[in-house]
Amino acid sequence: DPTFRRLEIKDVGPTILVDTVGFIRHLPHKLVDAFRAT
């Protein structure tokens, strides 16, 4: 599941960092389609 956190970075200000699901060789297309929202 994706995770969001707010970061303060110098010279940029507030940013959002997102941790996402890892990819893998020949990831099934059904999974790519199902996780389109993520």
PDB file of all heavy atoms in Angstrom:
ATOM      1  N   ASP A   1       0.827  -1.197   0.000  1.00  0.00           N
ATOM      2  CA  ASP A   1       0.000   0.000   0.000  1.00  0.00           C
ATOM      3  C   ASP A   1       0.871   1.259   0.000  1.00  0.00           C
ATOM      4  O   ASP A   1       1.882   1.312   0.684  1.00  0.00           O
ATOM      5  CB  ASP A   1      -0.918   0.007   1.228  1.00  0.00           C
ATOM      6  CG  ASP A   1      -1.804  -1.227   1.287  1.00  0.00           C
ATOM      7  OD1 ASP A   1      -2.566  -1.439   0.330  1.00  0.00           O
ATOM      8  OD2 ASP A   1      -1.708  -1.983   2.264  1.00  0.00           O
ATOM      9  N   PRO A   2       0.485   2.290  -0.752  1.00  0.00           N
ATOM     10  CA  PRO A   2       1.273   3.526  -0.783  1.00  0.00           C
ATOM     11  C   PRO A   2       1.177   4.277   0.539  1.00  0.00           C
ATOM     12  O   PRO A   2       0.147   4.263   1.201  1.00  0.00           O
ATOM     13  CB  PRO A   2       0.642   4.331  -1.927  1.00  0.00           C
ATOM     14  CG  PRO A   2      -0.769   3.837  -1.995  1.00  0.00           C
ATOM     15  CD  PRO A   2      -0.718   2.377  -1.598  1.00  0.00           C
ATOM     16  N   THR A   3       2.279   4.919   0.917  1.00  0.00           N
ATOM     17  CA  THR A   3       2.344   5.692   2.150  1.00  0.00           C
ATOM     18  C   THR A   3       2.806   7.105   1.826  1.00  0.00           C
ATOM     19  O   THR A   3       3.748   7.291   1.052  1.00  0.00           O
ATOM     20  CB  THR A   3       3.317   5.046   3.154  1.00  0.00           C
ATOM     21  OG1 THR A   3       2.977   3.670   3.322  1.00  0.00           O
ATOM     22  CG2 THR A   3       3.245   5.740   4.493  1.00  0.00           C
ATOM     23  N   PHE A   4       2.143   8.113   2.404  1.00  0.00           N
ATOM     24  CA  PHE A   4       2.446   9.512   2.155  1.00  0.00           C
ATOM     25  C   PHE A   4       3.007  10.153   3.425  1.00  0.00           C
ATOM     26  O   PHE A   4       2.519   9.892   4.529  1.00  0.00           O
ATOM     27  CB  PHE A   4       1.192  10.294   1.721  1.00  0.00           C
ATOM     28  CG  PHE A   4       0.567   9.808   0.436  1.00  0.00           C
ATOM     29  CD1 PHE A   4      -0.214   8.666   0.414  1.00  0.00           C
ATOM     30  CD2 PHE A   4       0.759  10.497  -0.748  1.00  0.00           C
ATOM     31  CE1 PHE A   4      -0.794   8.217  -0.749  1.00  0.00           C
ATOM     32  CE2 PHE A   4       0.181  10.060  -1.922  1.00  0.00           C
ATOM     33  CZ  PHE A   4      -0.594   8.919  -1.924  1.00  0.00           C
ATOM     34  N   ARG A   5       4.020  10.987   3.268  1.00  0.00           N
ATOM     35  CA  ARG A   5       4.565  11.774   4.380  1.00  0.00           C
ATOM     36  C   ARG A   5       4.929  13.165   3.871  1.00  0.00           C
ATOM     37  O   ARG A   5       5.402  13.321   2.752  1.00  0.00           O
ATOM     38  CB  ARG A   5       5.795  11.108   5.003  1.00  0.00           C
ATOM     39  CG  ARG A   5       5.519   9.849   5.780  1.00  0.00           C
ATOM     40  CD  ARG A   5       4.737  10.104   7.063  1.00  0.00           C
ATOM     41  NE  ARG A   5       4.588   8.901   7.855  1.00  0.00           N
ATOM     42  CZ  ARG A   5       3.647   8.020   7.691  1.00  0.00           C
ATOM     43  NH1 ARG A   5       2.748   8.184   6.719  1.00  0.00           N
ATOM     44  NH2 ARG A   5       3.562   6.945   8.473  1.00  0.00           N
ATOM     45  N   ARG A   6       4.732  14.149   4.728  1.00  0.00           N
ATOM     46  CA  ARG A   6       5.081  15.526   4.400  1.00  0.00           C
ATOM     47  C   ARG A   6       6.522  15.800   4.820  1.00  0.00           C
ATOM     48  O   ARG A   6       6.938  15.431   5.906  1.00  0.00           O
ATOM     49  CB  ARG A   6       4.125  16.496   5.099  1.00  0.00           C
ATOM     50  CG  ARG A   6       4.295  17.973   4.703  1.00  0.00           C
ATOM     51  CD  ARG A   6       3.321  18.828   5.504  1.00  0.00           C
ATOM     52  NE  ARG A   6       3.449  20.252   5.218  1.00  0.00           N
ATOM     53  CZ  ARG A   6       2.766  20.897   4.311  1.00  0.00           C
ATOM     54  NH1 ARG A   6       1.870  20.237   3.578  1.00  0.00           N
ATOM     55  NH2 ARG A   6       2.938  22.206   4.109  1.00  0.00           N
ATOM     56  N   LEU A   7       7.284  16.423   3.929  1.00  0.00           N
ATOM     57  CA  LEU A   7       8.682  16.743   4.182  1.00  0.00           C
ATOM     58  C   LEU A   7       8.919  18.234   4.007  1.00  0.00           C
ATOM     59  O   LEU A   7       8.283  18.875   3.178  1.00  0.00           O
ATOM     60  CB  LEU A   7       9.601  15.996   3.209  1.00  0.00           C
ATOM     61  CG  LEU A   7      10.033  14.584   3.501  1.00  0.00           C
ATOM     62  CD1 LEU A   7      10.938  14.091   2.431  1.00  0.00           C
ATOM     63  CD2 LEU A   7      10.708  14.448   4.790  1.00  0.00           C
ATOM     64  N   GLU A   8       9.853  18.773   4.776  1.00  0.00           N
ATOM     65  CA  GLU A   8      10.340  20.133   4.580  1.00  0.00           C
ATOM     66  C   GLU A   8      11.761  20.051   4.031  1.00  0.00           C
ATOM     67  O   GLU A   8      12.660  19.553   4.708  1.00  0.00           O
ATOM     68  CB  GLU A   8      10.311  20.931   5.887  1.00  0.00           C
ATOM     69  CG  GLU A   8       8.924  21.331   6.358  1.00  0.00           C
ATOM     70  CD  GLU A   8       8.316  22.450   5.514  1.00  0.00           C
ATOM     71  OE1 GLU A   8       9.085  23.184   4.855  1.00  0.00           O
ATOM     72  OE2 GLU A   8       7.068  22.578   5.521  1.00  0.00           O
ATOM     73  N   ILE A   9      11.951  20.533   2.818  1.00  0.00           N
ATOM     74  CA  ILE A   9      13.263  20.483   2.184  1.00  0.00           C
ATOM     75  C   ILE A   9      13.759  21.899   1.935  1.00  0.00           C
ATOM     76  O   ILE A   9      13.018  22.742   1.415  1.00  0.00           O
ATOM     77  CB  ILE A   9      13.209  19.692   0.856  1.00  0.00           C
ATOM     78  CG1 ILE A   9      12.837  18.233   1.142  1.00  0.00           C
ATOM     79  CG2 ILE A   9      14.539  19.752   0.119  1.00  0.00           C
ATOM     80  CD1 ILE A   9      12.748  17.363  -0.091  1.00  0.00           C
ATOM     81  N   LYS A  10      14.985  22.151   2.304  1.00  0.00           N
ATOM     82  CA  LYS A  10      15.576  23.478   2.155  1.00  0.00           C
ATOM     83  C   LYS A  10      15.528  23.935   0.696  1.00  0.00           C
ATOM     84  O   LYS A  10      15.808  23.153  -0.218  1.00  0.00           O
ATOM     85  CB  LYS A  10      17.021  23.457   2.649  1.00  0.00           C
ATOM     86  CG  LYS A  10      17.682  24.826   2.685  1.00  0.00           C
ATOM     87  CD  LYS A  10      19.096  24.738   3.230  1.00  0.00           C
ATOM     88  CE  LYS A  10      19.745  26.112   3.266  1.00  0.00           C
ATOM     89  NZ  LYS A  10      21.131  26.062   3.778  1.00  0.00           N
ATOM     90  N   ASP A  11      15.179  25.171   0.498  1.00  0.00           N
ATOM     91  CA  ASP A  11      15.069  25.821  -0.808  1.00  0.00           C
ATOM     92  C   ASP A  11      13.895  25.319  -1.640  1.00  0.00           C
ATOM     93  O   ASP A  11      13.698  25.756  -2.766  1.00  0.00           O
ATOM     94  CB  ASP A  11      16.358  25.689  -1.627  1.00  0.00           C
ATOM     95  CG  ASP A  11      17.546  26.365  -0.963  1.00  0.00           C
ATOM     96  OD1 ASP A  11      17.322  27.306  -0.171  1.00  0.00           O
ATOM     97  OD2 ASP A  11      18.691  25.958  -1.229  1.00  0.00           O
ATOM     98  N   VAL A  12      13.136  24.381  -1.115  1.00  0.00           N
ATOM     99  CA  VAL A  12      11.960  23.866  -1.815  1.00  0.00           C
ATOM    100  C   VAL A  12      10.695  24.114  -1.013  1.00  0.00           C
ATOM    101  O   VAL A  12       9.667  24.508  -1.542  1.00  0.00           O
ATOM    102  CB  VAL A  12      12.097  22.356  -2.117  1.00  0.00           C
ATOM    103  CG1 VAL A  12      10.844  21.845  -2.824  1.00  0.00           C
ATOM    104  CG2 VAL A  12      13.323  22.089  -2.974  1.00  0.00           C
ATOM    105  N   GLY A  13      10.780  23.901   0.320  1.00  0.00           N
ATOM    106  CA  GLY A  13       9.615  24.040   1.183  1.00  0.00           C
ATOM    107  C   GLY A  13       8.916  22.719   1.400  1.00  0.00           C
ATOM    108  O   GLY A  13       9.536  21.651   1.308  1.00  0.00           O
ATOM    109  N   PRO A  14       7.612  22.733   1.668  1.00  0.00           N
ATOM    110  CA  PRO A  14       6.891  21.490   1.912  1.00  0.00           C
ATOM    111  C   PRO A  14       6.791  20.623   0.659  1.00  0.00           C
ATOM    112  O   PRO A  14       6.526  21.117  -0.432  1.00  0.00           O
ATOM    113  CB  PRO A  14       5.502  21.970   2.370  1.00  0.00           C
ATOM    114  CG  PRO A  14       5.360  23.344   1.816  1.00  0.00           C
ATOM    115  CD  PRO A  14       6.743  23.929   1.793  1.00  0.00           C
ATOM    116  N   THR A  15       7.034  19.331   0.824  1.00  0.00           N
ATOM    117  CA  THR A  15       6.894  18.357  -0.257  1.00  0.00           C
ATOM    118  C   THR A  15       6.188  17.125   0.288  1.00  0.00           C
ATOM    119  O   THR A  15       6.116  16.911   1.498  1.00  0.00           O
ATOM    120  CB  THR A  15       8.264  17.942  -0.834  1.00  0.00           C
ATOM    121  OG1 THR A  15       9.059  17.369   0.218  1.00  0.00           O
ATOM    122  CG2 THR A  15       8.999  19.119  -1.439  1.00  0.00           C
ATOM    123  N   ILE A  16       5.673  16.310  -0.631  1.00  0.00           N
ATOM    124  CA  ILE A  16       5.030  15.044  -0.266  1.00  0.00           C
ATOM    125  C   ILE A  16       5.886  13.902  -0.807  1.00  0.00           C
ATOM    126  O   ILE A  16       6.170  13.836  -2.006  1.00  0.00           O
ATOM    127  CB  ILE A  16       3.601  14.938  -0.835  1.00  0.00           C
ATOM    128  CG1 ILE A  16       2.728  16.089  -0.324  1.00  0.00           C
ATOM    129  CG2 ILE A  16       2.990  13.587  -0.461  1.00  0.00           C
ATOM    130  CD1 ILE A  16       2.473  16.058   1.157  1.00  0.00           C
ATOM    131  N   LEU A  17       6.321  12.997   0.090  1.00  0.00           N
ATOM    132  CA  LEU A  17       7.093  11.817  -0.295  1.00  0.00           C
ATOM    133  C   LEU A  17       6.167  10.610  -0.281  1.00  0.00           C
ATOM    134  O   LEU A  17       5.447  10.381   0.692  1.00  0.00           O
ATOM    135  CB  LEU A  17       8.268  11.597   0.652  1.00  0.00           C
ATOM    136  CG  LEU A  17       9.239  10.461   0.296  1.00  0.00           C
ATOM    137  CD1 LEU A  17       9.946  10.731  -1.024  1.00  0.00           C
ATOM    138  CD2 LEU A  17      10.271  10.260   1.414  1.00  0.00           C
ATOM    139  N   VAL A  18       6.178   9.829  -1.375  1.00  0.00           N
ATOM    140  CA  VAL A  18       5.288   8.678  -1.524  1.00  0.00           C
ATOM    141  C   VAL A  18       6.118   7.405  -1.655  1.00  0.00           C
ATOM    142  O   VAL A  18       7.008   7.314  -2.504  1.00  0.00           O
ATOM    143  CB  VAL A  18       4.381   8.825  -2.771  1.00  0.00           C
ATOM    144  CG1 VAL A  18       3.346   7.702  -2.797  1.00  0.00           C
ATOM    145  CG2 VAL A  18       3.712  10.184  -2.804  1.00  0.00           C
ATOM    146  N   ASP A  19       5.823   6.425  -0.813  1.00  0.00           N
ATOM    147  CA  ASP A  19       6.423   5.093  -0.911  1.00  0.00           C
ATOM    148  C   ASP A  19       5.440   4.188  -1.640  1.00  0.00           C
ATOM    149  O   ASP A  19       4.278   4.071  -1.242  1.00  0.00           O
ATOM    150  CB  ASP A  19       6.725   4.542   0.482  1.00  0.00           C
ATOM    151  CG  ASP A  19       7.466   3.209   0.435  1.00  0.00           C
ATOM    152  OD1 ASP A  19       8.076   2.896  -0.605  1.00  0.00           O
ATOM    153  OD2 ASP A  19       7.432   2.467   1.448  1.00  0.00           O
ATOM    154  N   THR A  20       5.879   3.532  -2.721  1.00  0.00           N
ATOM    155  CA  THR A  20       4.978   2.754  -3.562  1.00  0.00           C
ATOM    156  C   THR A  20       5.377   1.278  -3.583  1.00  0.00           C
ATOM    157  O   THR A  20       6.431   0.892  -3.090  1.00  0.00           O
ATOM    158  CB  THR A  20       4.975   3.287  -5.012  1.00  0.00           C
ATOM    159  OG1 THR A  20       6.308   3.176  -5.561  1.00  0.00           O
ATOM    160  CG2 THR A  20       4.534   4.743  -5.049  1.00  0.00           C
ATOM    161  N   VAL A  21       4.511   0.463  -4.207  1.00  0.00           N
ATOM    162  CA  VAL A  21       4.779  -0.959  -4.356  1.00  0.00           C
ATOM    163  C   VAL A  21       5.975  -1.162  -5.284  1.00  0.00           C
ATOM    164  O   VAL A  21       6.183  -0.412  -6.249  1.00  0.00           O
ATOM    165  CB  VAL A  21       3.529  -1.683  -4.911  1.00  0.00           C
ATOM    166  CG1 VAL A  21       3.145  -1.150  -6.288  1.00  0.00           C
ATOM    167  CG2 VAL A  21       3.744  -3.194  -4.973  1.00  0.00           C
ATOM    168  N   GLY A  22       6.782  -2.168  -4.983  1.00  0.00           N
ATOM    169  CA  GLY A  22       7.933  -2.467  -5.821  1.00  0.00           C
ATOM    170  C   GLY A  22       7.535  -3.152  -7.116  1.00  0.00           C
ATOM    171  O   GLY A  22       6.501  -3.822  -7.201  1.00  0.00           O
ATOM    172  N   PHE A  23       8.338  -2.972  -8.139  1.00  0.00           N
ATOM    173  CA  PHE A  23       8.106  -3.627  -9.419  1.00  0.00           C
ATOM    174  C   PHE A  23       8.898  -4.925  -9.465  1.00  0.00           C
ATOM    175  O   PHE A  23       9.811  -5.154  -8.680  1.00  0.00           O
ATOM    176  CB  PHE A  23       8.523  -2.725 -10.583  1.00  0.00           C
ATOM    177  CG  PHE A  23       7.804  -1.405 -10.608  1.00  0.00           C
ATOM    178  CD1 PHE A  23       8.389  -0.276 -11.151  1.00  0.00           C
ATOM    179  CD2 PHE A  23       6.534  -1.286 -10.066  1.00  0.00           C
ATOM    180  CE1 PHE A  23       7.734   0.947 -11.171  1.00  0.00           C
ATOM    181  CE2 PHE A  23       5.866  -0.074 -10.078  1.00  0.00           C
ATOM    182  CZ  PHE A  23       6.470   1.037 -10.629  1.00  0.00           C
ATOM    183  N   ILE A  24       8.549  -5.769 -10.429  1.00  0.00           N
ATOM    184  CA  ILE A  24       9.243  -7.035 -10.595  1.00  0.00           C
ATOM    185  C   ILE A  24       9.238  -7.415 -12.056  1.00  0.00           C
ATOM    186  O   ILE A  24       8.392  -6.944 -12.832  1.00  0.00           O
ATOM    187  CB  ILE A  24       8.591  -8.146  -9.726  1.00  0.00           C
ATOM    188  CG1 ILE A  24       9.528  -9.351  -9.590  1.00  0.00           C
ATOM    189  CG2 ILE A  24       7.238  -8.574 -10.303  1.00  0.00           C
ATOM    190  CD1 ILE A  24       9.088 -10.348  -8.537  1.00  0.00           C
ATOM    191  N   ARG A  25      10.169  -8.278 -12.423  1.00  0.00           N
ATOM    192  CA  ARG A  25      10.288  -8.724 -13.807  1.00  0.00           C
ATOM    193  C   ARG A  25       8.983  -9.403 -14.247  1.00  0.00           C
ATOM    194  O   ARG A  25       8.433 -10.260 -13.571  1.00  0.00           O
ATOM    195  CB  ARG A  25      11.477  -9.686 -13.937  1.00  0.00           C
ATOM    196  CG  ARG A  25      11.880 -10.012 -15.353  1.00  0.00           C
ATOM    197  CD  ARG A  25      13.229 -10.728 -15.361  1.00  0.00           C
ATOM    198  NE  ARG A  25      14.332  -9.800 -15.091  1.00  0.00           N
ATOM    199  CZ  ARG A  25      14.955  -9.693 -13.934  1.00  0.00           C
ATOM    200  NH1 ARG A  25      14.632 -10.488 -12.945  1.00  0.00           N
ATOM    201  NH2 ARG A  25      15.929  -8.807 -13.758  1.00  0.00           N
ATOM    202  N   HIS A  26       8.491  -8.983 -15.418  1.00  0.00           N
ATOM    203  CA  HIS A  26       7.252  -9.528 -15.976  1.00  0.00           C
ATOM    204  C   HIS A  26       6.090  -9.407 -14.981  1.00  0.00           C
ATOM    205  O   HIS A  26       5.393 -10.380 -14.689  1.00  0.00           O
ATOM    206  CB  HIS A  26       7.427 -10.995 -16.388  1.00  0.00           C
ATOM    207  CG  HIS A  26       8.462 -11.191 -17.462  1.00  0.00           C
ATOM    208  ND1 HIS A  26       9.163 -12.355 -17.642  1.00  0.00           N
ATOM    209  CD2 HIS A  26       8.940 -10.343 -18.398  1.00  0.00           C
ATOM    210  CE1 HIS A  26      10.009 -12.222 -18.646  1.00  0.00           C
ATOM    211  NE2 HIS A  26       9.886 -11.011 -19.125  1.00  0.00           N
ATOM    212  N   LEU A  27       5.918  -8.211 -14.415  1.00  0.00           N
ATOM    213  CA  LEU A  27       4.788  -7.951 -13.518  1.00  0.00           C
ATOM    214  C   LEU A  27       3.490  -8.201 -14.276  1.00  0.00           C
ATOM    215  O   LEU A  27       3.288  -7.669 -15.370  1.00  0.00           O
ATOM    216  CB  LEU A  27       4.828  -6.502 -13.027  1.00  0.00           C
ATOM    217  CG  LEU A  27       3.814  -6.101 -11.957  1.00  0.00           C
ATOM    218  CD1 LEU A  27       4.137  -6.763 -10.638  1.00  0.00           C
ATOM    219  CD2 LEU A  27       3.795  -4.590 -11.769  1.00  0.00           C
ATOM    220  N   PRO A  28       2.613  -9.059 -13.749  1.00  0.00           N
ATOM    221  CA  PRO A  28       1.383  -9.388 -14.482  1.00  0.00           C
ATOM    222  C   PRO A  28       0.567  -8.146 -14.845  1.00  0.00           C
ATOM    223  O   PRO A  28       0.398  -7.243 -14.031  1.00  0.00           O
ATOM    224  CB  PRO A  28       0.616 -10.268 -13.478  1.00  0.00           C
ATOM    225  CG  PRO A  28       1.667 -10.840 -12.575  1.00  0.00           C
ATOM    226  CD  PRO A  28       2.706  -9.779 -12.460  1.00  0.00           C
ATOM    227  N   HIS A  29       0.084  -8.126 -16.087  1.00  0.00           N
ATOM    228  CA  HIS A  29      -0.683  -6.977 -16.546  1.00  0.00           C
ATOM    229  C   HIS A  29      -1.940  -6.758 -15.709  1.00  0.00           C
ATOM    230  O   HIS A  29      -2.392  -5.626 -15.539  1.00  0.00           O
ATOM    231  CB  HIS A  29      -1.055  -7.155 -18.022  1.00  0.00           C
ATOM    232  CG  HIS A  29       0.118  -6.979 -18.946  1.00  0.00           C
ATOM    233  ND1 HIS A  29       0.653  -5.740 -19.252  1.00  0.00           N
ATOM    234  CD2 HIS A  29       0.893  -7.882 -19.593  1.00  0.00           C
ATOM    235  CE1 HIS A  29       1.687  -5.888 -20.060  1.00  0.00           C
ATOM    236  NE2 HIS A  29       1.857  -7.172 -20.290  1.00  0.00           N
ATOM    237  N   LYS A  30      -2.506  -7.877 -15.201  1.00  0.00           N
ATOM    238  CA  LYS A  30      -3.690  -7.753 -14.351  1.00  0.00           C
ATOM    239  C   LYS A  30      -3.382  -6.913 -13.120  1.00  0.00           C
ATOM    240  O   LYS A  30      -4.216  -6.133 -12.661  1.00  0.00           O
ATOM    241  CB  LYS A  30      -4.204  -9.141 -13.949  1.00  0.00           C
ATOM    242  CG  LYS A  30      -4.847  -9.945 -15.070  1.00  0.00           C
ATOM    243  CD  LYS A  30      -5.388 -11.247 -14.535  1.00  0.00           C
ATOM    244  CE  LYS A  30      -6.134 -12.028 -15.630  1.00  0.00           C
ATOM    245  NZ  LYS A  30      -5.215 -12.470 -16.664  1.00  0.00           N
ATOM    246  N   LEU A  31      -2.170  -7.081 -12.580  1.00  0.00           N
ATOM    247  CA  LEU A  31      -1.788  -6.297 -11.412  1.00  0.00           C
ATOM    248  C   LEU A  31      -1.556  -4.838 -11.777  1.00  0.00           C
ATOM    249  O   LEU A  31      -1.932  -3.936 -11.028  1.00  0.00           O
ATOM    250  CB  LEU A  31      -0.523  -6.883 -10.782  1.00  0.00           C
ATOM    251  CG  LEU A  31      -0.720  -8.122  -9.923  1.00  0.00           C
ATOM    252  CD1 LEU A  31       0.609  -8.632  -9.410  1.00  0.00           C
ATOM    253  CD2 LEU A  31      -1.642  -7.827  -8.761  1.00  0.00           C
ATOM    254  N   VAL A  32      -0.928  -4.603 -12.924  1.00  0.00           N
ATOM    255  CA  VAL A  32      -0.704  -3.230 -13.364  1.00  0.00           C
ATOM    256  C   VAL A  32      -2.038  -2.513 -13.537  1.00  0.00           C
ATOM    257  O   VAL A  32      -2.216  -1.371 -13.112  1.00  0.00           O
ATOM    258  CB  VAL A  32       0.108  -3.193 -14.673  1.00  0.00           C
ATOM    259  CG1 VAL A  32       0.233  -1.760 -15.190  1.00  0.00           C
ATOM    260  CG2 VAL A  32       1.497  -3.782 -14.459  1.00  0.00           C
ATOM    261  N   ASP A  33      -3.007  -3.200 -14.138  1.00  0.00           N
ATOM    262  CA  ASP A  33      -4.327  -2.600 -14.340  1.00  0.00           C
ATOM    263  C   ASP A  33      -5.055  -2.397 -13.015  1.00  0.00           C
ATOM    264  O   ASP A  33      -5.671  -1.354 -12.786  1.00  0.00           O
ATOM    265  CB  ASP A  33      -5.174  -3.485 -15.261  1.00  0.00           C
ATOM    266  CG  ASP A  33      -4.632  -3.519 -16.683  1.00  0.00           C
ATOM    267  OD1 ASP A  33      -3.902  -2.575 -17.067  1.00  0.00           O
ATOM    268  OD2 ASP A  33      -4.902  -4.502 -17.406  1.00  0.00           O
ATOM    269  N   ALA A  34      -4.982  -3.417 -12.131  1.00  0.00           N
ATOM    270  CA  ALA A  34      -5.692  -3.323 -10.859  1.00  0.00           C
ATOM    271  C   ALA A  34      -5.139  -2.214  -9.985  1.00  0.00           C
ATOM    272  O   ALA A  34      -5.882  -1.540  -9.272  1.00  0.00           O
ATOM    273  CB  ALA A  34      -5.614  -4.657 -10.117  1.00  0.00           C
ATOM    274  N   PHE A  35      -3.828  -1.999 -10.036  1.00  0.00           N
ATOM    275  CA  PHE A  35      -3.191  -0.997  -9.191  1.00  0.00           C
ATOM    276  C   PHE A  35      -3.019   0.340  -9.910  1.00  0.00           C
ATOM    277  O   PHE A  35      -2.178   1.152  -9.536  1.00  0.00           O
ATOM    278  CB  PHE A  35      -1.840  -1.504  -8.676  1.00  0.00           C
ATOM    279  CG  PHE A  35      -1.965  -2.472  -7.550  1.00  0.00           C
ATOM    280  CD1 PHE A  35      -2.291  -3.782  -7.793  1.00  0.00           C
ATOM    281  CD2 PHE A  35      -1.807  -2.073  -6.243  1.00  0.00           C
ATOM    282  CE1 PHE A  35      -2.416  -4.692  -6.753  1.00  0.00           C
ATOM    283  CE2 PHE A  35      -1.933  -2.968  -5.200  1.00  0.00           C
ATOM    284  CZ  PHE A  35      -2.247  -4.280  -5.462  1.00  0.00           C
ATOM    285  N   ARG A  36      -3.822   0.546 -10.947  1.00  0.00           N
ATOM    286  CA  ARG A  36      -3.725   1.779 -11.709  1.00  0.00           C
ATOM    287  C   ARG A  36      -3.939   3.005 -10.826  1.00  0.00           C
ATOM    288  O   ARG A  36      -3.253   4.013 -10.974  1.00  0.00           O
ATOM    289  CB  ARG A  36      -4.753   1.762 -12.842  1.00  0.00           C
ATOM    290  CG  ARG A  36      -4.674   2.915 -13.821  1.00  0.00           C
ATOM    291  CD  ARG A  36      -3.597   2.807 -14.784  1.00  0.00           C
ATOM    292  NE  ARG A  36      -3.598   1.600 -15.603  1.00  0.00           N
ATOM    293  CZ  ARG A  36      -2.662   1.341 -16.493  1.00  0.00           C
ATOM    294  NH1 ARG A  36      -1.676   2.179 -16.685  1.00  0.00           N
ATOM    295  NH2 ARG A  36      -2.705   0.229 -17.191  1.00  0.00           N
ATOM    296  N   ALA A  37      -4.889   2.930  -9.891  1.00  0.00           N
ATOM    297  CA  ALA A  37      -5.162   4.067  -9.010  1.00  0.00           C
ATOM    298  C   ALA A  37      -3.962   4.385  -8.137  1.00  0.00           C
ATOM    299  O   ALA A  37      -3.622   5.552  -7.915  1.00  0.00           O
ATOM    300  CB  ALA A  37      -6.381   3.780  -8.134  1.00  0.00           C
ATOM    301  N   THR A  38      -3.297   3.355  -7.640  1.00  0.00           N
ATOM    302  CA  THR A  38      -2.105   3.560  -6.822  1.00  0.00           C
ATOM    303  C   THR A  38      -0.939   4.078  -7.650  1.00  0.00           C
ATOM    304  O   THR A  38      -0.235   5.010  -7.263  1.00  0.00           O
ATOM    305  CB  THR A  38      -1.708   2.241  -6.138  1.00  0.00           C
ATOM    306  OG1 THR A  38      -2.787   1.792  -5.331  1.00  0.00           O
ATOM    307  CG2 THR A  38      -0.476   2.439  -5.278  1.00  0.00           C
TER     308      THR A  38
END
